[in-house]
Amino acid sequence: MMMIADRGHVRPAFREALNGLGIKASIGGRKDRNIPVEDGTKWHKPRKKVERMFDRLKDWRCIATSFDRCTHAFISTCASPGLSSSGHEP
């Protein structure tokens, strides 16, 4: 099992607790750390892509406040930023 986390969970005690449970940690190290840590970049790239998509969705106020009451309107609003960020033309 693997836990992917951001730099907010970089404390050595947190990593040791995960190792004690048999969980591999993929946590990026801070820039001011003396000893570099393997961050598992291949695991973070897809995670960052999903986070950016949700950030774009949050920019759309109608999704954040649920102004779209109809299911088909809500789903189309959610799908349109995903299509535009994937590089496909509508």
PDB file of N, CA and C in Angstrom:
ATOM      1  N   MET A   1       0.845  -1.164   0.000  1.00  0.00           N
ATOM      2  CA  MET A   1       0.000   0.000   0.000  1.00  0.00           C
ATOM      3  C   MET A   1       0.896   1.235   0.000  1.00  0.00           C
ATOM      4  N   MET A   2       0.426   2.315  -0.636  1.00  0.00           N
ATOM      5  CA  MET A   2       1.211   3.534  -0.709  1.00  0.00           C
ATOM      6  C   MET A   2       0.340   4.731  -0.353  1.00  0.00           C
ATOM      7  N   MET A   3       0.915   5.675   0.374  1.00  0.00           N
ATOM      8  CA  MET A   3       0.228   6.924   0.685  1.00  0.00           C
ATOM      9  C   MET A   3       0.925   8.047  -0.062  1.00  0.00           C
ATOM     10  N   ILE A   4       0.162   8.776  -0.859  1.00  0.00           N
ATOM     11  CA  ILE A   4       0.681   9.925  -1.585  1.00  0.00           C
ATOM     12  C   ILE A   4       0.214  11.168  -0.840  1.00  0.00           C
ATOM     13  N   ALA A   5       1.151  11.998  -0.415  1.00  0.00           N
ATOM     14  CA  ALA A   5       0.811  13.194   0.359  1.00  0.00           C
ATOM     15  C   ALA A   5       1.661  14.361  -0.100  1.00  0.00           C
ATOM     16  N   ASP A   6       1.288  15.552   0.335  1.00  0.00           N
ATOM     17  CA  ASP A   6       2.056  16.730  -0.023  1.00  0.00           C
ATOM     18  C   ASP A   6       3.094  17.037   1.054  1.00  0.00           C
ATOM     19  N   ARG A   7       3.802  18.142   0.889  1.00  0.00           N
ATOM     20  CA  ARG A   7       4.913  18.468   1.788  1.00  0.00           C
ATOM     21  C   ARG A   7       4.470  18.827   3.197  1.00  0.00           C
ATOM     22  N   GLY A   8       3.191  18.988   3.426  1.00  0.00           N
ATOM     23  CA  GLY A   8       2.704  19.275   4.769  1.00  0.00           C
ATOM     24  C   GLY A   8       2.833  18.089   5.712  1.00  0.00           C
ATOM     25  N   HIS A   9       3.023  16.902   5.160  1.00  0.00           N
ATOM     26  CA  HIS A   9       3.131  15.678   5.965  1.00  0.00           C
ATOM     27  C   HIS A   9       4.546  15.112   5.922  1.00  0.00           C
ATOM     28  N   VAL A  10       5.549  15.980   5.872  1.00  0.00           N
ATOM     29  CA  VAL A  10       6.914  15.560   5.615  1.00  0.00           C
ATOM     30  C   VAL A  10       7.689  15.184   6.887  1.00  0.00           C
ATOM     31  N   ARG A  11       7.116  15.376   8.050  1.00  0.00           N
ATOM     32  CA  ARG A  11       7.833  15.100   9.310  1.00  0.00           C
ATOM     33  C   ARG A  11       8.333  13.663   9.356  1.00  0.00           C
ATOM     34  N   PRO A  12       9.560  13.465   9.857  1.00  0.00           N
ATOM     35  CA  PRO A  12      10.104  12.097   9.951  1.00  0.00           C
ATOM     36  C   PRO A  12       9.242  11.169  10.808  1.00  0.00           C
ATOM     37  N   ALA A  13       8.626  11.695  11.860  1.00  0.00           N
ATOM     38  CA  ALA A  13       7.779  10.851  12.706  1.00  0.00           C
ATOM     39  C   ALA A  13       6.588  10.309  11.915  1.00  0.00           C
ATOM     40  N   PHE A  14       6.062  11.109  11.012  1.00  0.00           N
ATOM     41  CA  PHE A  14       4.932  10.670  10.183  1.00  0.00           C
ATOM     42  C   PHE A  14       5.371   9.547   9.252  1.00  0.00           C
ATOM     43  N   ARG A  15       6.550   9.710   8.638  1.00  0.00           N
ATOM     44  CA  ARG A  15       7.071   8.666   7.757  1.00  0.00           C
ATOM     45  C   ARG A  15       7.329   7.373   8.523  1.00  0.00           C
ATOM     46  N   GLU A  16       7.889   7.495   9.728  1.00  0.00           N
ATOM     47  CA  GLU A  16       8.173   6.315  10.546  1.00  0.00           C
ATOM     48  C   GLU A  16       6.887   5.598  10.950  1.00  0.00           C
ATOM     49  N   ALA A  17       5.841   6.365  11.261  1.00  0.00           N
ATOM     50  CA  ALA A  17       4.559   5.755  11.620  1.00  0.00           C
ATOM     51  C   ALA A  17       3.981   4.979  10.437  1.00  0.00           C
ATOM     52  N   LEU A  18       4.088   5.547   9.238  1.00  0.00           N
ATOM     53  CA  LEU A  18       3.609   4.840   8.044  1.00  0.00           C
ATOM     54  C   LEU A  18       4.419   3.576   7.796  1.00  0.00           C
ATOM     55  N   ASN A  19       5.728   3.675   7.934  1.00  0.00           N
ATOM     56  CA  ASN A  19       6.574   2.484   7.749  1.00  0.00           C
ATOM     57  C   ASN A  19       6.235   1.402   8.760  1.00  0.00           C
ATOM     58  N   GLY A  20       5.909   1.809   9.997  1.00  0.00           N
ATOM     59  CA  GLY A  20       5.532   0.844  11.027  1.00  0.00           C
ATOM     60  C   GLY A  20       4.253   0.103  10.676  1.00  0.00           C
ATOM     61  N   LEU A  21       3.381   0.742   9.912  1.00  0.00           N
ATOM     62  CA  LEU A  21       2.135   0.108   9.480  1.00  0.00           C
ATOM     63  C   LEU A  21       2.289  -0.647   8.158  1.00  0.00           C
ATOM     64  N   GLY A  22       3.488  -0.596   7.588  1.00  0.00           N
ATOM     65  CA  GLY A  22       3.724  -1.285   6.323  1.00  0.00           C
ATOM     66  C   GLY A  22       3.255  -0.497   5.119  1.00  0.00           C
ATOM     67  N   ILE A  23       3.166   0.820   5.253  1.00  0.00           N
ATOM     68  CA  ILE A  23       2.704   1.674   4.164  1.00  0.00           C
ATOM     69  C   ILE A  23       3.898   2.451   3.627  1.00  0.00           C
ATOM     70  N   LYS A  24       4.088   2.385   2.312  1.00  0.00           N
ATOM     71  CA  LYS A  24       5.172   3.144   1.684  1.00  0.00           C
ATOM     72  C   LYS A  24       4.706   4.584   1.497  1.00  0.00           C
ATOM     73  N   ALA A  25       5.548   5.532   1.874  1.00  0.00           N
ATOM     74  CA  ALA A  25       5.203   6.948   1.784  1.00  0.00           C
ATOM     75  C   ALA A  25       5.796   7.563   0.528  1.00  0.00           C
ATOM     76  N   SER A  26       4.979   8.260  -0.221  1.00  0.00           N
ATOM     77  CA  SER A  26       5.439   9.042  -1.365  1.00  0.00           C
ATOM     78  C   SER A  26       5.136  10.496  -1.049  1.00  0.00           C
ATOM     79  N   ILE A  27       6.062  11.125  -0.328  1.00  0.00           N
ATOM     80  CA  ILE A  27       5.878  12.494   0.142  1.00  0.00           C
ATOM     81  C   ILE A  27       7.091  13.298  -0.300  1.00  0.00           C
ATOM     82  N   GLY A  28       6.860  14.369  -1.013  1.00  0.00           N
ATOM     83  CA  GLY A  28       7.954  15.228  -1.447  1.00  0.00           C
ATOM     84  C   GLY A  28       8.629  15.897  -0.267  1.00  0.00           C
ATOM     85  N   GLY A  29       9.939  16.053  -0.353  1.00  0.00           N
ATOM     86  CA  GLY A  29      10.684  16.700   0.720  1.00  0.00           C
ATOM     87  C   GLY A  29      10.685  18.212   0.584  1.00  0.00           C
ATOM     88  N   ARG A  30      10.917  18.889   1.685  1.00  0.00           N
ATOM     89  CA  ARG A  30      11.023  20.347   1.654  1.00  0.00           C
ATOM     90  C   ARG A  30      12.354  20.747   1.030  1.00  0.00           C
ATOM     91  N   LYS A  31      12.381  21.956   0.471  1.00  0.00           N
ATOM     92  CA  LYS A  31      13.592  22.424  -0.188  1.00  0.00           C
ATOM     93  C   LYS A  31      14.719  22.687   0.806  1.00  0.00           C
ATOM     94  N   ASP A  32      14.387  23.027   2.053  1.00  0.00           N
ATOM     95  CA  ASP A  32      15.414  23.337   3.040  1.00  0.00           C
ATOM     96  C   ASP A  32      15.906  22.104   3.803  1.00  0.00           C
ATOM     97  N   ARG A  33      15.503  20.921   3.375  1.00  0.00           N
ATOM     98  CA  ARG A  33      15.914  19.682   4.047  1.00  0.00           C
ATOM     99  C   ARG A  33      17.371  19.372   3.726  1.00  0.00           C
ATOM    100  N   ASN A  34      18.136  18.971   4.728  1.00  0.00           N
ATOM    101  CA  ASN A  34      19.553  18.673   4.540  1.00  0.00           C
ATOM    102  C   ASN A  34      19.783  17.400   3.735  1.00  0.00           C
ATOM    103  N   ILE A  35      19.011  16.364   4.012  1.00  0.00           N
ATOM    104  CA  ILE A  35      19.141  15.090   3.314  1.00  0.00           C
ATOM    105  C   ILE A  35      17.965  14.943   2.354  1.00  0.00           C
ATOM    106  N   PRO A  36      18.208  14.873   1.035  1.00  0.00           N
ATOM    107  CA  PRO A  36      17.104  14.743   0.086  1.00  0.00           C
ATOM    108  C   PRO A  36      16.344  13.429   0.271  1.00  0.00           C
ATOM    109  N   VAL A  37      15.059  13.476  -0.001  1.00  0.00           N
ATOM    110  CA  VAL A  37      14.188  12.309   0.145  1.00  0.00           C
ATOM    111  C   VAL A  37      13.611  11.973  -1.223  1.00  0.00           C
ATOM    112  N   GLU A  38      13.526  10.681  -1.516  1.00  0.00           N
ATOM    113  CA  GLU A  38      12.888  10.259  -2.764  1.00  0.00           C
ATOM    114  C   GLU A  38      11.412  10.619  -2.681  1.00  0.00           C
ATOM    115  N   ASP A  39      10.941  11.384  -3.654  1.00  0.00           N
ATOM    116  CA  ASP A  39       9.575  11.903  -3.559  1.00  0.00           C
ATOM    117  C   ASP A  39       8.551  11.134  -4.370  1.00  0.00           C
ATOM    118  N   GLY A  40       8.948  10.210  -5.205  1.00  0.00           N
ATOM    119  CA  GLY A  40       7.978   9.441  -5.976  1.00  0.00           C
ATOM    120  C   GLY A  40       7.258  10.299  -6.993  1.00  0.00           C
ATOM    121  N   THR A  41       8.025  11.029  -7.815  1.00  0.00           N
ATOM    122  CA  THR A  41       7.453  11.965  -8.772  1.00  0.00           C
ATOM    123  C   THR A  41       6.450  11.306  -9.706  1.00  0.00           C
ATOM    124  N   LYS A  42       6.700  10.054 -10.079  1.00  0.00           N
ATOM    125  CA  LYS A  42       5.773   9.383 -11.004  1.00  0.00           C
ATOM    126  C   LYS A  42       4.384   9.218 -10.382  1.00  0.00           C
ATOM    127  N   TRP A  43       4.295   9.191  -9.057  1.00  0.00           N
ATOM    128  CA  TRP A  43       2.994   9.081  -8.396  1.00  0.00           C
ATOM    129  C   TRP A  43       2.338  10.447  -8.238  1.00  0.00           C
ATOM    130  N   HIS A  44       3.143  11.489  -8.156  1.00  0.00           N
ATOM    131  CA  HIS A  44       2.589  12.823  -7.916  1.00  0.00           C
ATOM    132  C   HIS A  44       2.054  13.491  -9.178  1.00  0.00           C
ATOM    133  N   LYS A  45       2.569  13.135 -10.336  1.00  0.00           N
ATOM    134  CA  LYS A  45       2.116  13.784 -11.565  1.00  0.00           C
ATOM    135  C   LYS A  45       0.618  13.573 -11.815  1.00  0.00           C
ATOM    136  N   PRO A  46       0.100  12.335 -11.755  1.00  0.00           N
ATOM    137  CA  PRO A  46      -1.350  12.173 -11.957  1.00  0.00           C
ATOM    138  C   PRO A  46      -2.166  12.858 -10.860  1.00  0.00           C
ATOM    139  N   ARG A  47      -1.653  12.849  -9.637  1.00  0.00           N
ATOM    140  CA  ARG A  47      -2.357  13.478  -8.526  1.00  0.00           C
ATOM    141  C   ARG A  47      -2.479  14.977  -8.759  1.00  0.00           C
ATOM    142  N   LYS A  48      -1.396  15.594  -9.226  1.00  0.00           N
ATOM    143  CA  LYS A  48      -1.418  17.034  -9.481  1.00  0.00           C
ATOM    144  C   LYS A  48      -2.376  17.379 -10.611  1.00  0.00           C
ATOM    145  N   LYS A  49      -2.478  16.497 -11.600  1.00  0.00           N
ATOM    146  CA  LYS A  49      -3.398  16.735 -12.707  1.00  0.00           C
ATOM    147  C   LYS A  49      -4.844  16.746 -12.202  1.00  0.00           C
ATOM    148  N   VAL A  50      -5.178  15.821 -11.323  1.00  0.00           N
ATOM    149  CA  VAL A  50      -6.524  15.765 -10.747  1.00  0.00           C
ATOM    150  C   VAL A  50      -6.771  16.985  -9.854  1.00  0.00           C
ATOM    151  N   GLU A  51      -5.775  17.371  -9.063  1.00  0.00           N
ATOM    152  CA  GLU A  51      -5.928  18.548  -8.203  1.00  0.00           C
ATOM    153  C   GLU A  51      -6.157  19.807  -9.024  1.00  0.00           C
ATOM    154  N   ARG A  52      -5.428  19.951 -10.131  1.00  0.00           N
ATOM    155  CA  ARG A  52      -5.630  21.133 -10.982  1.00  0.00           C
ATOM    156  C   ARG A  52      -7.026  21.149 -11.575  1.00  0.00           C
ATOM    157  N   MET A  53      -7.559  19.955 -11.945  1.00  0.00           N
ATOM    158  CA  MET A  53      -8.907  19.910 -12.491  1.00  0.00           C
ATOM    159  C   MET A  53      -9.920  20.373 -11.450  1.00  0.00           C
ATOM    160  N   PHE A  54      -9.770  19.919 -10.189  1.00  0.00           N
ATOM    161  CA  PHE A  54     -10.696  20.337  -9.155  1.00  0.00           C
ATOM    162  C   PHE A  54     -10.538  21.824  -8.834  1.00  0.00           C
ATOM    163  N   ASP A  55      -9.317  22.346  -8.929  1.00  0.00           N
ATOM    164  CA  ASP A  55      -9.125  23.785  -8.730  1.00  0.00           C
ATOM    165  C   ASP A  55      -9.871  24.577  -9.794  1.00  0.00           C
ATOM    166  N   ARG A  56      -9.830  24.086 -11.031  1.00  0.00           N
ATOM    167  CA  ARG A  56     -10.579  24.766 -12.099  1.00  0.00           C
ATOM    168  C   ARG A  56     -12.085  24.677 -11.860  1.00  0.00           C
ATOM    169  N   LEU A  57     -12.538  23.532 -11.366  1.00  0.00           N
ATOM    170  CA  LEU A  57     -13.961  23.388 -11.074  1.00  0.00           C
ATOM    171  C   LEU A  57     -14.391  24.335  -9.959  1.00  0.00           C
ATOM    172  N   LYS A  58     -13.528  24.522  -8.959  1.00  0.00           N
ATOM    173  CA  LYS A  58     -13.863  25.422  -7.864  1.00  0.00           C
ATOM    174  C   LYS A  58     -13.935  26.867  -8.319  1.00  0.00           C
ATOM    175  N   ASP A  59     -13.205  27.182  -9.391  1.00  0.00           N
ATOM    176  CA  ASP A  59     -13.282  28.532  -9.938  1.00  0.00           C
ATOM    177  C   ASP A  59     -14.673  28.826 -10.496  1.00  0.00           C
ATOM    178  N   TRP A  60     -15.369  27.812 -10.870  1.00  0.00           N
ATOM    179  CA  TRP A  60     -16.714  27.982 -11.393  1.00  0.00           C
ATOM    180  C   TRP A  60     -17.671  28.014 -10.202  1.00  0.00           C
ATOM    181  N   ARG A  61     -18.169  29.152  -9.881  1.00  0.00           N
ATOM    182  CA  ARG A  61     -18.970  29.343  -8.675  1.00  0.00           C
ATOM    183  C   ARG A  61     -20.239  28.498  -8.672  1.00  0.00           C
ATOM    184  N   CYS A  62     -20.816  28.248  -9.823  1.00  0.00           N
ATOM    185  CA  CYS A  62     -22.069  27.484  -9.851  1.00  0.00           C
ATOM    186  C   CYS A  62     -21.868  26.071  -9.321  1.00  0.00           C
ATOM    187  N   ILE A  63     -20.668  25.512  -9.472  1.00  0.00           N
ATOM    188  CA  ILE A  63     -20.413  24.177  -8.946  1.00  0.00           C
ATOM    189  C   ILE A  63     -20.189  24.241  -7.441  1.00  0.00           C
ATOM    190  N   ALA A  64     -19.435  25.238  -7.009  1.00  0.00           N
ATOM    191  CA  ALA A  64     -19.113  25.351  -5.584  1.00  0.00           C
ATOM    192  C   ALA A  64     -20.360  25.608  -4.745  1.00  0.00           C
ATOM    193  N   THR A  65     -21.332  26.323  -5.298  1.00  0.00           N
ATOM    194  CA  THR A  65     -22.528  26.660  -4.528  1.00  0.00           C
ATOM    195  C   THR A  65     -23.759  25.879  -4.970  1.00  0.00           C
ATOM    196  N   SER A  66     -23.604  24.953  -5.890  1.00  0.00           N
ATOM    197  CA  SER A  66     -24.689  24.094  -6.389  1.00  0.00           C
ATOM    198  C   SER A  66     -25.865  24.892  -6.945  1.00  0.00           C
ATOM    199  N   PHE A  67     -25.564  25.896  -7.778  1.00  0.00           N
ATOM    200  CA  PHE A  67     -26.636  26.657  -8.415  1.00  0.00           C
ATOM    201  C   PHE A  67     -27.353  25.831  -9.472  1.00  0.00           C
ATOM    202  N   ASP A  68     -26.656  24.880 -10.060  1.00  0.00           N
ATOM    203  CA  ASP A  68     -27.269  24.031 -11.071  1.00  0.00           C
ATOM    204  C   ASP A  68     -28.096  22.960 -10.383  1.00  0.00           C
ATOM    205  N   ARG A  69     -29.391  23.115 -10.427  1.00  0.00           N
ATOM    206  CA  ARG A  69     -30.285  22.177  -9.739  1.00  0.00           C
ATOM    207  C   ARG A  69     -30.586  20.941 -10.584  1.00  0.00           C
ATOM    208  N   CYS A  70     -30.525  21.066 -11.892  1.00  0.00           N
ATOM    209  CA  CYS A  70     -30.817  19.933 -12.765  1.00  0.00           C
ATOM    210  C   CYS A  70     -29.574  19.058 -12.900  1.00  0.00           C
ATOM    211  N   THR A  71     -29.782  17.775 -12.875  1.00  0.00           N
ATOM    212  CA  THR A  71     -28.674  16.830 -12.960  1.00  0.00           C
ATOM    213  C   THR A  71     -27.918  16.988 -14.267  1.00  0.00           C
ATOM    214  N   HIS A  72     -28.639  17.096 -15.380  1.00  0.00           N
ATOM    215  CA  HIS A  72     -27.957  17.190 -16.671  1.00  0.00           C
ATOM    216  C   HIS A  72     -27.151  18.483 -16.785  1.00  0.00           C
ATOM    217  N   ALA A  73     -27.620  19.576 -16.184  1.00  0.00           N
ATOM    218  CA  ALA A  73     -26.868  20.836 -16.219  1.00  0.00           C
ATOM    219  C   ALA A  73     -25.617  20.732 -15.356  1.00  0.00           C
ATOM    220  N   PHE A  74     -25.735  20.089 -14.202  1.00  0.00           N
ATOM    221  CA  PHE A  74     -24.580  19.939 -13.311  1.00  0.00           C
ATOM    222  C   PHE A  74     -23.505  19.064 -13.953  1.00  0.00           C
ATOM    223  N   ILE A  75     -23.909  17.942 -14.546  1.00  0.00           N
ATOM    224  CA  ILE A  75     -22.948  17.027 -15.152  1.00  0.00           C
ATOM    225  C   ILE A  75     -22.265  17.687 -16.343  1.00  0.00           C
ATOM    226  N   SER A  76     -23.011  18.433 -17.156  1.00  0.00           N
ATOM    227  CA  SER A  76     -22.382  19.096 -18.299  1.00  0.00           C
ATOM    228  C   SER A  76     -21.413  20.176 -17.843  1.00  0.00           C
ATOM    229  N   THR A  77     -21.724  20.842 -16.738  1.00  0.00           N
ATOM    230  CA  THR A  77     -20.811  21.859 -16.199  1.00  0.00           C
ATOM    231  C   THR A  77     -19.541  21.209 -15.681  1.00  0.00           C
ATOM    232  N   CYS A  78     -19.670  20.055 -15.056  1.00  0.00           N
ATOM    233  CA  CYS A  78     -18.492  19.343 -14.549  1.00  0.00           C
ATOM    234  C   CYS A  78     -17.647  18.783 -15.687  1.00  0.00           C
ATOM    235  N   ALA A  79     -18.275  18.341 -16.757  1.00  0.00           N
ATOM    236  CA  ALA A  79     -17.547  17.707 -17.852  1.00  0.00           C
ATOM    237  C   ALA A  79     -16.829  18.721 -18.730  1.00  0.00           C
ATOM    238  N   SER A  80     -17.374  19.921 -18.883  1.00  0.00           N
ATOM    239  CA  SER A  80     -16.777  20.872 -19.817  1.00  0.00           C
ATOM    240  C   SER A  80     -15.372  21.324 -19.427  1.00  0.00           C
ATOM    241  N   PRO A  81     -15.037  21.604 -18.161  1.00  0.00           N
ATOM    242  CA  PRO A  81     -13.637  21.940 -17.863  1.00  0.00           C
ATOM    243  C   PRO A  81     -12.701  20.753 -18.075  1.00  0.00           C
ATOM    244  N   GLY A  82     -13.181  19.559 -17.830  1.00  0.00           N
ATOM    245  CA  GLY A  82     -12.358  18.379 -18.054  1.00  0.00           C
ATOM    246  C   GLY A  82     -12.029  18.197 -19.525  1.00  0.00           C
ATOM    247  N   LEU A  83     -12.991  18.490 -20.384  1.00  0.00           N
ATOM    248  CA  LEU A  83     -12.742  18.385 -21.812  1.00  0.00           C
ATOM    249  C   LEU A  83     -11.783  19.459 -22.285  1.00  0.00           C
ATOM    250  N   SER A  84     -11.949  20.682 -21.766  1.00  0.00           N
ATOM    251  CA  SER A  84     -11.076  21.766 -22.227  1.00  0.00           C
ATOM    252  C   SER A  84      -9.657  21.588 -21.725  1.00  0.00           C
ATOM    253  N   SER A  85      -9.469  20.978 -20.552  1.00  0.00           N
ATOM    254  CA  SER A  85      -8.118  20.779 -20.039  1.00  0.00           C
ATOM    255  C   SER A  85      -7.441  19.568 -20.664  1.00  0.00           C
ATOM    256  N   SER A  86      -8.214  18.688 -21.312  1.00  0.00           N
ATOM    257  CA  SER A  86      -7.608  17.500 -21.908  1.00  0.00           C
ATOM    258  C   SER A  86      -7.050  17.777 -23.300  1.00  0.00           C
ATOM    259  N   GLY A  87      -7.323  18.964 -23.835  1.00  0.00           N
ATOM    260  CA  GLY A  87      -6.777  19.318 -25.133  1.00  0.00           C
ATOM    261  C   GLY A  87      -7.679  18.974 -26.294  1.00  0.00           C
ATOM    262  N   HIS A  88      -8.861  18.422 -26.051  1.00  0.00           N
ATOM    263  CA  HIS A  88      -9.800  18.093 -27.110  1.00  0.00           C
ATOM    264  C   HIS A  88     -10.702  19.279 -27.378  1.00  0.00           C
ATOM    265  N   GLU A  89     -10.976  19.508 -28.635  1.00  0.00           N
ATOM    266  CA  GLU A  89     -11.888  20.578 -29.010  1.00  0.00           C
ATOM    267  C   GLU A  89     -13.322  20.083 -28.891  1.00  0.00           C
ATOM    268  N   PRO A  90     -14.248  20.931 -28.417  1.00  0.00           N
ATOM    269  CA  PRO A  90     -15.655  20.499 -28.304  1.00  0.00           C
ATOM    270  C   PRO A  90     -16.317  20.358 -29.646  1.00  0.00           C
TER     271      PRO A  90
END
